[in-house]
Structures are given as C-alpha cells and as structure tokens.
Amino acid sequence: MFPLAGPVGLVPLPSKWRIAFGEPICTADYASTDADDPMVTFELTDQVRETIQQTLYRLLAGRRNIFFG
C-alpha cells in the first residue's frame, strides 16, 4: 500500500482489540512436588493451551469485522 498511497500508506489502519480473561484453573489438588513431575506439568499446560484456543475460537466467531469489531 505504501507506493500507491505515498507516505499515508505507512500509517497503520485502526483495529479494535478485545482482551478476555478466562476462569482460573484450579491447582489446589496438586502437591507442591508435582511441579517437578513432567507429566503433571504437561497435563496442565495442555489444559491451559486448550482453554486459550477455545476462548480464541469463541471470540473469533463473535467478531463481525476485523477493523470495526
């Protein structure tokens, strides 16, 4: 867009940002020594990753337009 619009082409287009906070993930059932267990760590990180991905899919489905929300 830069060569066709001149210097105005360098100005970024406005876009809306939405920040979503998910529910806390309970870790009270785990002992403090479980932090050193790779399987427990993998399960928790997988749960966090899946939760974030589902939240992104939900927000994406509700979006009408990339510039106007």
N, C-alpha and C. Protein backbone atom coordinates (compact mmCIF):
# COMPACT_ATOMS: atom_id res chain seq x y z
N MET A 1 0.82 -1.18 0.00
CA MET A 1 0.00 0.00 0.00
C MET A 1 0.87 1.25 0.00
N PHE A 2 2.10 1.14 0.46
CA PHE A 2 2.97 2.32 0.57
C PHE A 2 3.21 3.03 -0.76
N PRO A 3 3.62 2.33 -1.81
CA PRO A 3 3.94 3.10 -3.02
C PRO A 3 2.71 3.80 -3.62
N LEU A 4 1.56 3.19 -3.53
CA LEU A 4 0.37 3.77 -4.15
C LEU A 4 -0.19 4.94 -3.36
N ALA A 5 -0.14 4.87 -2.06
CA ALA A 5 -0.75 5.91 -1.22
C ALA A 5 0.27 6.94 -0.73
N GLY A 6 1.52 6.78 -1.09
CA GLY A 6 2.54 7.71 -0.62
C GLY A 6 2.83 7.49 0.85
N PRO A 7 3.24 8.54 1.56
CA PRO A 7 3.56 8.40 2.99
C PRO A 7 2.38 7.97 3.84
N VAL A 8 1.16 8.24 3.38
CA VAL A 8 -0.03 7.84 4.14
C VAL A 8 -0.12 6.32 4.23
N GLY A 9 0.46 5.61 3.27
CA GLY A 9 0.45 4.16 3.29
C GLY A 9 1.23 3.56 4.44
N LEU A 10 2.07 4.35 5.10
CA LEU A 10 2.83 3.87 6.25
C LEU A 10 2.04 3.92 7.55
N VAL A 11 0.93 4.63 7.55
CA VAL A 11 0.11 4.76 8.75
C VAL A 11 -0.72 3.49 8.92
N PRO A 12 -0.63 2.83 10.07
CA PRO A 12 -1.41 1.60 10.26
C PRO A 12 -2.91 1.89 10.34
N LEU A 13 -3.68 0.97 9.83
CA LEU A 13 -5.13 1.10 9.91
C LEU A 13 -5.58 0.83 11.34
N PRO A 14 -6.62 1.51 11.79
CA PRO A 14 -7.11 1.26 13.16
C PRO A 14 -7.75 -0.12 13.27
N SER A 15 -7.61 -0.72 14.40
CA SER A 15 -8.26 -2.00 14.66
C SER A 15 -8.63 -2.07 16.13
N LYS A 16 -9.71 -2.77 16.40
CA LYS A 16 -10.14 -2.95 17.79
C LYS A 16 -9.48 -4.18 18.37
N TRP A 17 -9.17 -4.10 19.64
CA TRP A 17 -8.60 -5.23 20.36
C TRP A 17 -9.54 -5.60 21.49
N ARG A 18 -9.69 -6.87 21.70
CA ARG A 18 -10.53 -7.36 22.78
C ARG A 18 -9.67 -8.27 23.66
N ILE A 19 -9.70 -8.01 24.94
CA ILE A 19 -8.95 -8.83 25.90
C ILE A 19 -9.95 -9.61 26.73
N ALA A 20 -9.78 -10.91 26.77
CA ALA A 20 -10.69 -11.78 27.53
C ALA A 20 -9.88 -12.51 28.60
N PHE A 21 -10.39 -12.51 29.80
CA PHE A 21 -9.78 -13.24 30.90
C PHE A 21 -10.64 -14.47 31.18
N GLY A 22 -10.02 -15.63 31.18
CA GLY A 22 -10.74 -16.86 31.43
C GLY A 22 -10.86 -17.14 32.92
N GLU A 23 -11.58 -18.20 33.21
CA GLU A 23 -11.73 -18.64 34.59
C GLU A 23 -10.38 -19.17 35.10
N PRO A 24 -10.10 -18.99 36.38
CA PRO A 24 -8.84 -19.54 36.92
C PRO A 24 -8.84 -21.06 36.85
N ILE A 25 -7.68 -21.61 36.61
CA ILE A 25 -7.53 -23.06 36.59
C ILE A 25 -7.07 -23.50 37.97
N CYS A 26 -7.86 -24.34 38.58
CA CYS A 26 -7.60 -24.76 39.96
C CYS A 26 -6.41 -25.74 40.00
N THR A 27 -5.45 -25.43 40.83
CA THR A 27 -4.31 -26.32 41.03
C THR A 27 -4.20 -26.77 42.48
N ALA A 28 -5.27 -26.57 43.25
CA ALA A 28 -5.24 -26.91 44.67
C ALA A 28 -5.13 -28.42 44.90
N ASP A 29 -5.52 -29.22 43.92
CA ASP A 29 -5.48 -30.67 44.08
C ASP A 29 -4.07 -31.24 43.91
N TYR A 30 -3.13 -30.42 43.50
CA TYR A 30 -1.78 -30.89 43.25
C TYR A 30 -0.87 -30.55 44.43
N ALA A 31 0.07 -31.43 44.69
CA ALA A 31 1.08 -31.17 45.73
C ALA A 31 2.17 -30.27 45.14
N SER A 32 2.92 -29.63 46.00
CA SER A 32 3.98 -28.74 45.51
C SER A 32 5.07 -29.52 44.77
N THR A 33 5.22 -30.80 45.10
CA THR A 33 6.23 -31.62 44.42
C THR A 33 5.80 -32.00 43.01
N ASP A 34 4.50 -31.85 42.70
CA ASP A 34 4.02 -32.16 41.35
C ASP A 34 4.57 -31.20 40.31
N ALA A 35 5.09 -30.06 40.74
CA ALA A 35 5.66 -29.09 39.80
C ALA A 35 6.89 -29.66 39.10
N ASP A 36 7.54 -30.65 39.73
CA ASP A 36 8.72 -31.28 39.14
C ASP A 36 8.36 -32.48 38.28
N ASP A 37 7.11 -32.89 38.29
CA ASP A 37 6.67 -34.05 37.51
C ASP A 37 6.33 -33.60 36.09
N PRO A 38 7.06 -34.09 35.09
CA PRO A 38 6.82 -33.65 33.71
C PRO A 38 5.41 -33.98 33.20
N MET A 39 4.85 -35.09 33.63
CA MET A 39 3.51 -35.47 33.16
C MET A 39 2.44 -34.52 33.70
N VAL A 40 2.55 -34.15 34.96
CA VAL A 40 1.59 -33.22 35.55
C VAL A 40 1.72 -31.86 34.88
N THR A 41 2.96 -31.43 34.68
CA THR A 41 3.20 -30.15 34.02
C THR A 41 2.64 -30.16 32.60
N PHE A 42 2.85 -31.26 31.88
CA PHE A 42 2.33 -31.37 30.52
C PHE A 42 0.80 -31.32 30.51
N GLU A 43 0.17 -32.02 31.45
CA GLU A 43 -1.30 -32.01 31.51
C GLU A 43 -1.84 -30.61 31.77
N LEU A 44 -1.21 -29.89 32.69
CA LEU A 44 -1.67 -28.53 33.00
C LEU A 44 -1.43 -27.58 31.83
N THR A 45 -0.27 -27.66 31.21
CA THR A 45 -0.01 -26.78 30.07
C THR A 45 -0.93 -27.10 28.90
N ASP A 46 -1.24 -28.37 28.72
CA ASP A 46 -2.18 -28.76 27.67
C ASP A 46 -3.58 -28.22 27.97
N GLN A 47 -3.98 -28.25 29.23
CA GLN A 47 -5.28 -27.71 29.63
C GLN A 47 -5.33 -26.20 29.40
N VAL A 48 -4.26 -25.51 29.75
CA VAL A 48 -4.19 -24.06 29.55
C VAL A 48 -4.24 -23.73 28.06
N ARG A 49 -3.47 -24.45 27.27
CA ARG A 49 -3.43 -24.22 25.82
C ARG A 49 -4.80 -24.45 25.20
N GLU A 50 -5.46 -25.51 25.58
CA GLU A 50 -6.79 -25.82 25.04
C GLU A 50 -7.81 -24.76 25.46
N THR A 51 -7.73 -24.31 26.69
CA THR A 51 -8.65 -23.27 27.17
C THR A 51 -8.46 -21.97 26.40
N ILE A 52 -7.21 -21.59 26.18
CA ILE A 52 -6.93 -20.37 25.42
C ILE A 52 -7.43 -20.51 23.98
N GLN A 53 -7.19 -21.66 23.37
CA GLN A 53 -7.61 -21.87 21.98
C GLN A 53 -9.13 -21.81 21.85
N GLN A 54 -9.85 -22.43 22.77
CA GLN A 54 -11.31 -22.39 22.73
C GLN A 54 -11.84 -20.97 22.93
N THR A 55 -11.19 -20.20 23.80
CA THR A 55 -11.58 -18.81 24.00
C THR A 55 -11.35 -18.00 22.73
N LEU A 56 -10.23 -18.23 22.06
CA LEU A 56 -9.96 -17.53 20.80
C LEU A 56 -10.98 -17.89 19.73
N TYR A 57 -11.34 -19.17 19.63
CA TYR A 57 -12.36 -19.58 18.65
C TYR A 57 -13.69 -18.91 18.95
N ARG A 58 -14.05 -18.83 20.24
CA ARG A 58 -15.32 -18.20 20.62
C ARG A 58 -15.32 -16.71 20.27
N LEU A 59 -14.22 -16.03 20.57
CA LEU A 59 -14.13 -14.61 20.25
C LEU A 59 -14.10 -14.37 18.74
N LEU A 60 -13.44 -15.24 18.01
CA LEU A 60 -13.37 -15.12 16.56
C LEU A 60 -14.74 -15.31 15.92
N ALA A 61 -15.51 -16.25 16.45
CA ALA A 61 -16.85 -16.49 15.91
C ALA A 61 -17.77 -15.30 16.15
N GLY A 62 -17.54 -14.55 17.22
CA GLY A 62 -18.38 -13.41 17.53
C GLY A 62 -17.94 -12.12 16.86
N ARG A 63 -16.82 -12.15 16.16
CA ARG A 63 -16.30 -10.94 15.51
C ARG A 63 -17.02 -10.69 14.19
N ARG A 64 -17.45 -9.46 13.98
CA ARG A 64 -18.15 -9.10 12.75
C ARG A 64 -17.18 -8.64 11.67
N ASN A 65 -16.19 -7.84 12.05
CA ASN A 65 -15.30 -7.23 11.08
C ASN A 65 -13.94 -7.04 11.75
N ILE A 66 -12.86 -7.20 10.99
CA ILE A 66 -11.54 -7.11 11.61
C ILE A 66 -11.19 -5.69 12.03
N PHE A 67 -11.81 -4.67 11.45
CA PHE A 67 -11.49 -3.29 11.80
C PHE A 67 -12.50 -2.67 12.75
N PHE A 68 -13.73 -3.10 12.69
CA PHE A 68 -14.78 -2.45 13.48
C PHE A 68 -15.33 -3.33 14.58
N GLY A 69 -14.71 -4.44 14.86
CA GLY A 69 -15.11 -5.29 15.96
C GLY A 69 -16.12 -6.28 15.56
